[in-house]
Amino acid sequence: MGVLEGKVGVILGVANERSIAWGIAQTLHKEGAQLVMTYAGEIMEKRVRPLAESLGAKLILPCDVTSDEQIARLFESIGSTFGGLDLVVHSLAFANRDELKGRYLDTSREGFRLALDVSAYSLVAVTRAAAPLMRGRRGSVVTLSYYGAEKVIPQYNVMGVAKAALEASVRYLAADLGPDGIRVNAISAGPIKTLAAAGIAQFRDMLHQAEQRAPMRRTITLEDVGGAALFLCSDWSAGVTGEVLHVDCGYHVMGA
């Protein structure tokens, strides 16, 4: 029996078979979780639906996290189908490609708003909608961050600021929801080849630097992140909330 047997989880942010959210979904499914998976738009549905079906997902639903109405419909469907929810995996981030070039100083107002809305506020909106379904079930919310929230990463720009807001939100949400037995944590994953990473200039250099400087002398895998997410989603981490767990082969402990 898997450690998540009988648990119901929703995964937001699967883009394709190389996305971090997909690696997490595979691990949680292997350990017995029933999964709901979401997509944003028809193009993403064509990518996500076959993956979700391969894991036996009972619900595969649209959810544009900039729409409170779509978020509400998603969790209403989960509630009516399963009667409750145990796990939320939030693996969502977006910034216009032009905002990930040049200087952060030149970030546009609209570019800032969009990046913070999709990458940080969406965690608040999703967690607020999920919380009523998670009360009394020792629920767990896990989101994905990156070291650019803590230190300046060239060309990461507004996304670094959005991730910093995301990590602060984890702490505030953990404080709000702790009395209800709901835990909220983040994984700060090292660089990994994903669809989202393709939009970051000099991403190959970031991978090379991580491999050269990390104590373990390698970059991370989807399985590495999936294992950390399993820990945070399971009762193994029953006393852990408000944390940012680094999964980067130790890169963040190294100085210049």
C-alpha atoms as a PDB file:
ATOM      1  CA  MET A   1       0.000   0.000   0.000  1.00  0.00           C
ATOM      2  CA  GLY A   2       1.334   3.432  -0.937  1.00  0.00           C
ATOM      3  CA  VAL A   3       1.810   6.162   1.649  1.00  0.00           C
ATOM      4  CA  LEU A   4      -0.869   8.285  -0.068  1.00  0.00           C
ATOM      5  CA  GLU A   5      -3.460   5.541  -0.443  1.00  0.00           C
ATOM      6  CA  GLY A   6      -6.944   7.056  -0.161  1.00  0.00           C
ATOM      7  CA  LYS A   7      -5.700  10.623  -0.612  1.00  0.00           C
ATOM      8  CA  VAL A   8      -7.104  12.968  -3.262  1.00  0.00           C
ATOM      9  CA  GLY A   9      -4.824  15.555  -4.843  1.00  0.00           C
ATOM     10  CA  VAL A  10      -5.020  18.222  -7.511  1.00  0.00           C
ATOM     11  CA  ILE A  11      -1.999  19.076  -9.667  1.00  0.00           C
ATOM     12  CA  LEU A  12      -1.910  22.522 -11.281  1.00  0.00           C
ATOM     13  CA  GLY A  13       0.840  23.247 -13.776  1.00  0.00           C
ATOM     14  CA  VAL A  14       1.555  20.146 -15.830  1.00  0.00           C
ATOM     15  CA  ALA A  15       2.727  21.351 -19.239  1.00  0.00           C
ATOM     16  CA  ASN A  16       4.301  18.231 -20.750  1.00  0.00           C
ATOM     17  CA  GLU A  17       6.226  15.116 -19.755  1.00  0.00           C
ATOM     18  CA  ARG A  18       9.284  17.200 -18.808  1.00  0.00           C
ATOM     19  CA  SER A  19       7.507  19.555 -16.406  1.00  0.00           C
ATOM     20  CA  ILE A  20       8.207  19.431 -12.685  1.00  0.00           C
ATOM     21  CA  ALA A  21       4.496  19.077 -11.979  1.00  0.00           C
ATOM     22  CA  TRP A  22       4.426  15.921 -14.103  1.00  0.00           C
ATOM     23  CA  GLY A  23       7.327  14.417 -12.161  1.00  0.00           C
ATOM     24  CA  ILE A  24       5.445  15.121  -8.938  1.00  0.00           C
ATOM     25  CA  ALA A  25       2.190  13.719 -10.338  1.00  0.00           C
ATOM     26  CA  GLN A  26       3.885  10.448 -11.262  1.00  0.00           C
ATOM     27  CA  THR A  27       5.371  10.049  -7.789  1.00  0.00           C
ATOM     28  CA  LEU A  28       2.123  10.828  -5.963  1.00  0.00           C
ATOM     29  CA  HIS A  29       0.177   8.460  -8.221  1.00  0.00           C
ATOM     30  CA  LYS A  30       2.705   5.686  -7.621  1.00  0.00           C
ATOM     31  CA  GLU A  31       2.128   6.088  -3.889  1.00  0.00           C
ATOM     32  CA  GLY A  32      -1.646   5.699  -4.215  1.00  0.00           C
ATOM     33  CA  ALA A  33      -3.057   9.216  -4.578  1.00  0.00           C
ATOM     34  CA  GLN A  34      -6.113   9.813  -6.739  1.00  0.00           C
ATOM     35  CA  LEU A  35      -5.280  12.814  -8.902  1.00  0.00           C
ATOM     36  CA  VAL A  36      -7.150  15.672 -10.525  1.00  0.00           C
ATOM     37  CA  MET A  37      -5.182  17.520 -13.207  1.00  0.00           C
ATOM     38  CA  THR A  38      -5.812  20.896 -14.802  1.00  0.00           C
ATOM     39  CA  TYR A  39      -4.933  22.724 -17.983  1.00  0.00           C
ATOM     40  CA  ALA A  40      -5.278  26.280 -19.293  1.00  0.00           C
ATOM     41  CA  GLY A  41      -6.634  26.512 -22.827  1.00  0.00           C
ATOM     42  CA  GLU A  42      -7.147  24.091 -25.712  1.00  0.00           C
ATOM     43  CA  ILE A  43      -3.479  23.859 -26.679  1.00  0.00           C
ATOM     44  CA  MET A  44      -2.461  22.804 -23.173  1.00  0.00           C
ATOM     45  CA  GLU A  45      -5.380  20.384 -22.959  1.00  0.00           C
ATOM     46  CA  LYS A  46      -3.959  18.421 -25.907  1.00  0.00           C
ATOM     47  CA  ARG A  47      -0.708  18.006 -23.989  1.00  0.00           C
ATOM     48  CA  VAL A  48      -2.115  17.406 -20.528  1.00  0.00           C
ATOM     49  CA  ARG A  49      -5.080  15.111 -21.181  1.00  0.00           C
ATOM     50  CA  PRO A  50      -3.092  12.078 -22.422  1.00  0.00           C
ATOM     51  CA  LEU A  51      -0.704  12.372 -19.480  1.00  0.00           C
ATOM     52  CA  ALA A  52      -3.556  12.674 -16.989  1.00  0.00           C
ATOM     53  CA  GLU A  53      -5.371   9.721 -18.522  1.00  0.00           C
ATOM     54  CA  SER A  54      -2.221   7.601 -18.257  1.00  0.00           C
ATOM     55  CA  LEU A  55      -2.417   8.088 -14.471  1.00  0.00           C
ATOM     56  CA  GLY A  56      -6.132   7.341 -14.351  1.00  0.00           C
ATOM     57  CA  ALA A  57      -7.104  10.880 -13.376  1.00  0.00           C
ATOM     58  CA  LYS A  58     -10.824  10.946 -12.634  1.00  0.00           C
ATOM     59  CA  LEU A  59     -11.103  14.666 -13.378  1.00  0.00           C
ATOM     60  CA  ILE A  60      -9.193  16.636 -16.029  1.00  0.00           C
ATOM     61  CA  LEU A  61     -10.462  20.194 -15.859  1.00  0.00           C
ATOM     62  CA  PRO A  62      -9.738  23.664 -17.249  1.00  0.00           C
ATOM     63  CA  CYS A  63      -8.349  26.221 -14.821  1.00  0.00           C
ATOM     64  CA  ASP A  64      -6.966  29.602 -15.780  1.00  0.00           C
ATOM     65  CA  VAL A  65      -5.681  30.823 -12.418  1.00  0.00           C
ATOM     66  CA  THR A  66      -6.203  34.470 -13.384  1.00  0.00           C
ATOM     67  CA  SER A  67      -9.949  33.709 -13.250  1.00  0.00           C
ATOM     68  CA  ASP A  68     -11.576  33.355  -9.824  1.00  0.00           C
ATOM     69  CA  GLU A  69     -14.611  31.844 -11.562  1.00  0.00           C
ATOM     70  CA  GLN A  70     -12.581  29.004 -13.098  1.00  0.00           C
ATOM     71  CA  ILE A  71     -10.808  28.352  -9.796  1.00  0.00           C
ATOM     72  CA  ALA A  72     -14.186  28.165  -8.028  1.00  0.00           C
ATOM     73  CA  ARG A  73     -15.586  25.751 -10.644  1.00  0.00           C
ATOM     74  CA  LEU A  74     -12.518  23.517 -10.321  1.00  0.00           C
ATOM     75  CA  PHE A  75     -12.904  23.061  -6.584  1.00  0.00           C
ATOM     76  CA  GLU A  76     -16.681  22.758  -6.769  1.00  0.00           C
ATOM     77  CA  SER A  77     -16.169  19.827  -9.157  1.00  0.00           C
ATOM     78  CA  ILE A  78     -13.589  18.260  -6.862  1.00  0.00           C
ATOM     79  CA  GLY A  79     -15.917  18.611  -3.884  1.00  0.00           C
ATOM     80  CA  SER A  80     -18.911  17.110  -5.668  1.00  0.00           C
ATOM     81  CA  THR A  81     -16.866  14.200  -7.032  1.00  0.00           C
ATOM     82  CA  PHE A  82     -14.692  13.269  -4.048  1.00  0.00           C
ATOM     83  CA  GLY A  83     -16.325  15.019  -1.084  1.00  0.00           C
ATOM     84  CA  GLY A  84     -13.024  16.510  -0.001  1.00  0.00           C
ATOM     85  CA  LEU A  85      -9.376  17.133  -0.884  1.00  0.00           C
ATOM     86  CA  ASP A  86      -6.059  16.242   0.744  1.00  0.00           C
ATOM     87  CA  LEU A  87      -3.318  17.608  -1.494  1.00  0.00           C
ATOM     88  CA  VAL A  88      -2.709  20.644  -3.689  1.00  0.00           C
ATOM     89  CA  VAL A  89       0.390  20.932  -5.875  1.00  0.00           C
ATOM     90  CA  HIS A  90       0.795  24.447  -7.282  1.00  0.00           C
ATOM     91  CA  SER A  91       3.454  24.526 -10.000  1.00  0.00           C
ATOM     92  CA  LEU A  92       2.571  27.702 -11.876  1.00  0.00           C
ATOM     93  CA  ALA A  93       4.659  30.654 -13.001  1.00  0.00           C
ATOM     94  CA  PHE A  94       4.616  33.038 -15.929  1.00  0.00           C
ATOM     95  CA  ALA A  95       6.279  36.234 -17.093  1.00  0.00           C
ATOM     96  CA  ASN A  96       6.399  37.775 -20.533  1.00  0.00           C
ATOM     97  CA  ARG A  97       9.593  36.733 -22.304  1.00  0.00           C
ATOM     98  CA  ASP A  98      10.604  40.370 -22.814  1.00  0.00           C
ATOM     99  CA  GLU A  99      10.637  40.870 -19.037  1.00  0.00           C
ATOM    100  CA  LEU A 100      13.303  38.161 -18.694  1.00  0.00           C
ATOM    101  CA  LYS A 101      15.872  40.111 -20.710  1.00  0.00           C
ATOM    102  CA  GLY A 102      17.976  43.138 -19.892  1.00  0.00           C
ATOM    103  CA  ARG A 103      17.564  44.929 -16.572  1.00  0.00           C
ATOM    104  CA  TYR A 104      14.982  44.393 -13.864  1.00  0.00           C
ATOM    105  CA  LEU A 105      14.905  48.188 -13.664  1.00  0.00           C
ATOM    106  CA  ASP A 106      13.085  48.222 -17.006  1.00  0.00           C
ATOM    107  CA  THR A 107      10.257  45.906 -15.937  1.00  0.00           C
ATOM    108  CA  SER A 108       6.947  47.258 -17.204  1.00  0.00           C
ATOM    109  CA  ARG A 109       4.013  47.847 -14.879  1.00  0.00           C
ATOM    110  CA  GLU A 110       1.853  45.371 -16.789  1.00  0.00           C
ATOM    111  CA  GLY A 111       4.678  42.812 -16.912  1.00  0.00           C
ATOM    112  CA  PHE A 112       5.097  43.097 -13.145  1.00  0.00           C
ATOM    113  CA  ARG A 113       1.367  42.749 -12.540  1.00  0.00           C
ATOM    114  CA  LEU A 114       1.057  39.682 -14.744  1.00  0.00           C
ATOM    115  CA  ALA A 115       4.073  37.893 -13.270  1.00  0.00           C
ATOM    116  CA  LEU A 116       2.942  38.503  -9.687  1.00  0.00           C
ATOM    117  CA  ASP A 117      -0.647  37.529 -10.459  1.00  0.00           C
ATOM    118  CA  VAL A 118       0.101  34.193 -12.124  1.00  0.00           C
ATOM    119  CA  SER A 119       3.211  33.236 -10.169  1.00  0.00           C
ATOM    120  CA  ALA A 120       2.337  34.370  -6.636  1.00  0.00           C
ATOM    121  CA  TYR A 121      -1.247  35.515  -6.138  1.00  0.00           C
ATOM    122  CA  SER A 122      -2.549  32.351  -7.792  1.00  0.00           C
ATOM    123  CA  LEU A 123      -1.288  30.365  -4.783  1.00  0.00           C
ATOM    124  CA  VAL A 124      -3.444  32.524  -2.511  1.00  0.00           C
ATOM    125  CA  ALA A 125      -6.503  32.185  -4.738  1.00  0.00           C
ATOM    126  CA  VAL A 126      -6.123  28.428  -5.192  1.00  0.00           C
ATOM    127  CA  THR A 127      -5.461  27.770  -1.510  1.00  0.00           C
ATOM    128  CA  ARG A 128      -8.456  29.872  -0.455  1.00  0.00           C
ATOM    129  CA  ALA A 129     -10.724  27.811  -2.724  1.00  0.00           C
ATOM    130  CA  ALA A 130      -9.184  24.507  -1.643  1.00  0.00           C
ATOM    131  CA  ALA A 131      -9.153  25.113   2.113  1.00  0.00           C
ATOM    132  CA  PRO A 132     -12.844  24.307   2.825  1.00  0.00           C
ATOM    133  CA  LEU A 133     -12.355  20.885   1.188  1.00  0.00           C
ATOM    134  CA  MET A 134      -9.208  20.168   3.206  1.00  0.00           C
ATOM    135  CA  ARG A 135     -10.331  20.964   6.744  1.00  0.00           C
ATOM    136  CA  GLY A 136     -10.266  17.947   9.022  1.00  0.00           C
ATOM    137  CA  ARG A 137      -8.158  15.966   6.508  1.00  0.00           C
ATOM    138  CA  ARG A 138      -4.649  17.135   7.485  1.00  0.00           C
ATOM    139  CA  GLY A 139      -4.326  18.748   4.092  1.00  0.00           C
ATOM    140  CA  SER A 140      -1.073  19.766   2.425  1.00  0.00           C
ATOM    141  CA  VAL A 141      -0.380  22.519  -0.105  1.00  0.00           C
ATOM    142  CA  VAL A 142       2.946  22.449  -1.953  1.00  0.00           C
ATOM    143  CA  THR A 143       4.209  25.105  -4.361  1.00  0.00           C
ATOM    144  CA  LEU A 144       7.360  25.426  -6.462  1.00  0.00           C
ATOM    145  CA  SER A 145       9.924  28.168  -6.037  1.00  0.00           C
ATOM    146  CA  TYR A 146      13.525  28.834  -7.142  1.00  0.00           C
ATOM    147  CA  TYR A 147      16.745  30.276  -5.705  1.00  0.00           C
ATOM    148  CA  GLY A 148      16.140  33.486  -7.666  1.00  0.00           C
ATOM    149  CA  ALA A 149      13.708  34.396  -4.868  1.00  0.00           C
ATOM    150  CA  GLU A 150      16.695  34.766  -2.521  1.00  0.00           C
ATOM    151  CA  LYS A 151      19.600  35.920  -4.694  1.00  0.00           C
ATOM    152  CA  VAL A 152      19.934  37.841  -7.932  1.00  0.00           C
ATOM    153  CA  ILE A 153      20.006  35.477 -10.901  1.00  0.00           C
ATOM    154  CA  PRO A 154      20.928  37.192 -14.204  1.00  0.00           C
ATOM    155  CA  GLN A 155      17.942  37.500 -16.556  1.00  0.00           C
ATOM    156  CA  TYR A 156      15.507  36.071 -13.989  1.00  0.00           C
ATOM    157  CA  ASN A 157      14.345  39.609 -13.220  1.00  0.00           C
ATOM    158  CA  VAL A 158      10.664  39.988 -12.311  1.00  0.00           C
ATOM    159  CA  MET A 159      10.276  36.244 -11.891  1.00  0.00           C
ATOM    160  CA  GLY A 160      12.695  36.370  -8.974  1.00  0.00           C
ATOM    161  CA  VAL A 161      10.559  39.046  -7.343  1.00  0.00           C
ATOM    162  CA  ALA A 162       7.434  36.959  -7.989  1.00  0.00           C
ATOM    163  CA  LYS A 163       9.044  33.896  -6.417  1.00  0.00           C
ATOM    164  CA  ALA A 164      10.031  35.983  -3.374  1.00  0.00           C
ATOM    165  CA  ALA A 165       6.379  36.988  -3.018  1.00  0.00           C
ATOM    166  CA  LEU A 166       5.401  33.346  -3.424  1.00  0.00           C
ATOM    167  CA  GLU A 167       7.699  32.260  -0.588  1.00  0.00           C
ATOM    168  CA  ALA A 168       6.378  35.010   1.676  1.00  0.00           C
ATOM    169  CA  SER A 169       2.851  33.882   0.828  1.00  0.00           C
ATOM    170  CA  VAL A 170       3.749  30.344   1.917  1.00  0.00           C
ATOM    171  CA  ARG A 171       4.607  31.633   5.388  1.00  0.00           C
ATOM    172  CA  TYR A 172       1.480  33.775   5.737  1.00  0.00           C
ATOM    173  CA  LEU A 173      -0.802  31.021   4.436  1.00  0.00           C
ATOM    174  CA  ALA A 174       0.842  28.526   6.802  1.00  0.00           C
ATOM    175  CA  ALA A 175       0.036  30.837   9.719  1.00  0.00           C
ATOM    176  CA  ASP A 176      -3.565  31.312   8.558  1.00  0.00           C
ATOM    177  CA  LEU A 177      -4.315  27.649   7.934  1.00  0.00           C
ATOM    178  CA  GLY A 178      -2.305  25.954  10.667  1.00  0.00           C
ATOM    179  CA  PRO A 179      -5.245  26.032  13.115  1.00  0.00           C
ATOM    180  CA  ASP A 180      -7.254  24.074  10.529  1.00  0.00           C
ATOM    181  CA  GLY A 181      -4.549  21.406  10.308  1.00  0.00           C
ATOM    182  CA  ILE A 182      -3.581  22.454   6.769  1.00  0.00           C
ATOM    183  CA  ARG A 183       0.124  22.715   5.978  1.00  0.00           C
ATOM    184  CA  VAL A 184       1.639  24.978   3.311  1.00  0.00           C
ATOM    185  CA  ASN A 185       5.221  24.529   2.063  1.00  0.00           C
ATOM    186  CA  ALA A 186       7.407  25.264  -0.941  1.00  0.00           C
ATOM    187  CA  ILE A 187      10.099  23.368  -2.802  1.00  0.00           C
ATOM    188  CA  SER A 188      12.932  25.528  -4.134  1.00  0.00           C
ATOM    189  CA  ALA A 189      14.030  23.353  -7.033  1.00  0.00           C
ATOM    190  CA  GLY A 190      17.351  23.710  -8.797  1.00  0.00           C
ATOM    191  CA  PRO A 191      17.443  24.441 -12.538  1.00  0.00           C
ATOM    192  CA  ILE A 192      15.920  21.694 -14.659  1.00  0.00           C
ATOM    193  CA  LYS A 193      15.005  21.587 -18.344  1.00  0.00           C
ATOM    194  CA  THR A 194      11.313  22.423 -18.592  1.00  0.00           C
ATOM    195  CA  LEU A 195       9.058  24.324 -20.984  1.00  0.00           C
ATOM    196  CA  ALA A 196       9.067  27.311 -18.625  1.00  0.00           C
ATOM    197  CA  ALA A 197      12.871  27.301 -18.360  1.00  0.00           C
ATOM    198  CA  ALA A 198      13.142  27.663 -22.130  1.00  0.00           C
ATOM    199  CA  GLY A 199      12.024  31.284 -21.756  1.00  0.00           C
ATOM    200  CA  ILE A 200      15.006  32.213 -19.555  1.00  0.00           C
ATOM    201  CA  ALA A 201      18.017  33.637 -21.380  1.00  0.00           C
ATOM    202  CA  GLN A 202      21.308  31.812 -20.744  1.00  0.00           C
ATOM    203  CA  PHE A 203      19.490  28.905 -19.108  1.00  0.00           C
ATOM    204  CA  ARG A 204      22.149  26.471 -20.307  1.00  0.00           C
ATOM    205  CA  ASP A 205      24.739  28.505 -18.436  1.00  0.00           C
ATOM    206  CA  MET A 206      22.600  28.217 -15.288  1.00  0.00           C
ATOM    207  CA  LEU A 207      22.532  24.429 -15.662  1.00  0.00           C
ATOM    208  CA  HIS A 208      26.286  24.314 -16.191  1.00  0.00           C
ATOM    209  CA  GLN A 209      26.961  26.494 -13.147  1.00  0.00           C
ATOM    210  CA  ALA A 210      24.701  24.355 -10.977  1.00  0.00           C
ATOM    211  CA  GLU A 211      26.426  21.176 -12.079  1.00  0.00           C
ATOM    212  CA  GLN A 212      29.894  22.618 -11.472  1.00  0.00           C
ATOM    213  CA  ARG A 213      29.238  24.272  -8.104  1.00  0.00           C
ATOM    214  CA  ALA A 214      26.671  22.100  -6.360  1.00  0.00           C
ATOM    215  CA  PRO A 215      28.223  19.863  -3.689  1.00  0.00           C
ATOM    216  CA  MET A 216      26.752  16.797  -5.412  1.00  0.00           C
ATOM    217  CA  ARG A 217      28.205  17.894  -8.779  1.00  0.00           C
ATOM    218  CA  ARG A 218      25.012  17.275 -10.700  1.00  0.00           C
ATOM    219  CA  THR A 219      21.732  18.920 -11.570  1.00  0.00           C
ATOM    220  CA  ILE A 220      18.448  17.693 -10.173  1.00  0.00           C
ATOM    221  CA  THR A 221      15.953  15.298 -11.750  1.00  0.00           C
ATOM    222  CA  LEU A 222      12.169  15.144 -11.808  1.00  0.00           C
ATOM    223  CA  GLU A 223      12.445  12.182  -9.454  1.00  0.00           C
ATOM    224  CA  ASP A 224      14.384  14.306  -6.942  1.00  0.00           C
ATOM    225  CA  VAL A 225      11.588  16.872  -6.831  1.00  0.00           C
ATOM    226  CA  GLY A 226       8.899  14.201  -6.838  1.00  0.00           C
ATOM    227  CA  GLY A 227      10.418  12.564  -3.757  1.00  0.00           C
ATOM    228  CA  ALA A 228      10.533  15.877  -1.888  1.00  0.00           C
ATOM    229  CA  ALA A 229       6.930  16.589  -2.826  1.00  0.00           C
ATOM    230  CA  LEU A 230       5.922  13.136  -1.585  1.00  0.00           C
ATOM    231  CA  PHE A 231       7.511  13.927   1.778  1.00  0.00           C
ATOM    232  CA  LEU A 232       5.663  17.248   2.051  1.00  0.00           C
ATOM    233  CA  CYS A 233       2.346  15.740   0.928  1.00  0.00           C
ATOM    234  CA  SER A 234       2.495  12.750   3.251  1.00  0.00           C
ATOM    235  CA  ASP A 235       2.106  12.361   7.002  1.00  0.00           C
ATOM    236  CA  TRP A 236       5.889  11.991   7.171  1.00  0.00           C
ATOM    237  CA  SER A 237       5.977  15.810   7.295  1.00  0.00           C
ATOM    238  CA  ALA A 238       3.008  16.229   9.644  1.00  0.00           C
ATOM    239  CA  GLY A 239       4.896  18.799  11.736  1.00  0.00           C
ATOM    240  CA  VAL A 240       6.330  20.796   8.832  1.00  0.00           C
ATOM    241  CA  THR A 241       4.696  23.991   7.566  1.00  0.00           C
ATOM    242  CA  GLY A 242       5.789  27.386   6.279  1.00  0.00           C
ATOM    243  CA  GLU A 243       9.051  25.911   4.989  1.00  0.00           C
ATOM    244  CA  VAL A 244      11.011  26.339   1.770  1.00  0.00           C
ATOM    245  CA  LEU A 245      12.754  23.022   1.104  1.00  0.00           C
ATOM    246  CA  HIS A 246      15.742  23.334  -1.234  1.00  0.00           C
ATOM    247  CA  VAL A 247      16.091  20.494  -3.712  1.00  0.00           C
ATOM    248  CA  ASP A 248      19.148  21.642  -5.648  1.00  0.00           C
ATOM    249  CA  CYS A 249      21.914  19.153  -4.810  1.00  0.00           C
ATOM    250  CA  GLY A 250      23.161  21.663  -2.239  1.00  0.00           C
ATOM    251  CA  TYR A 251      23.804  24.546  -4.629  1.00  0.00           C
ATOM    252  CA  HIS A 252      22.245  27.114  -2.283  1.00  0.00           C
ATOM    253  CA  VAL A 253      24.767  26.458   0.504  1.00  0.00           C
ATOM    254  CA  MET A 254      27.758  27.503  -1.605  1.00  0.00           C
ATOM    255  CA  GLY A 255      29.339  30.947  -1.548  1.00  0.00           C
ATOM    256  CA  ALA A 256      30.775  32.832  -4.509  1.00  0.00           C
END
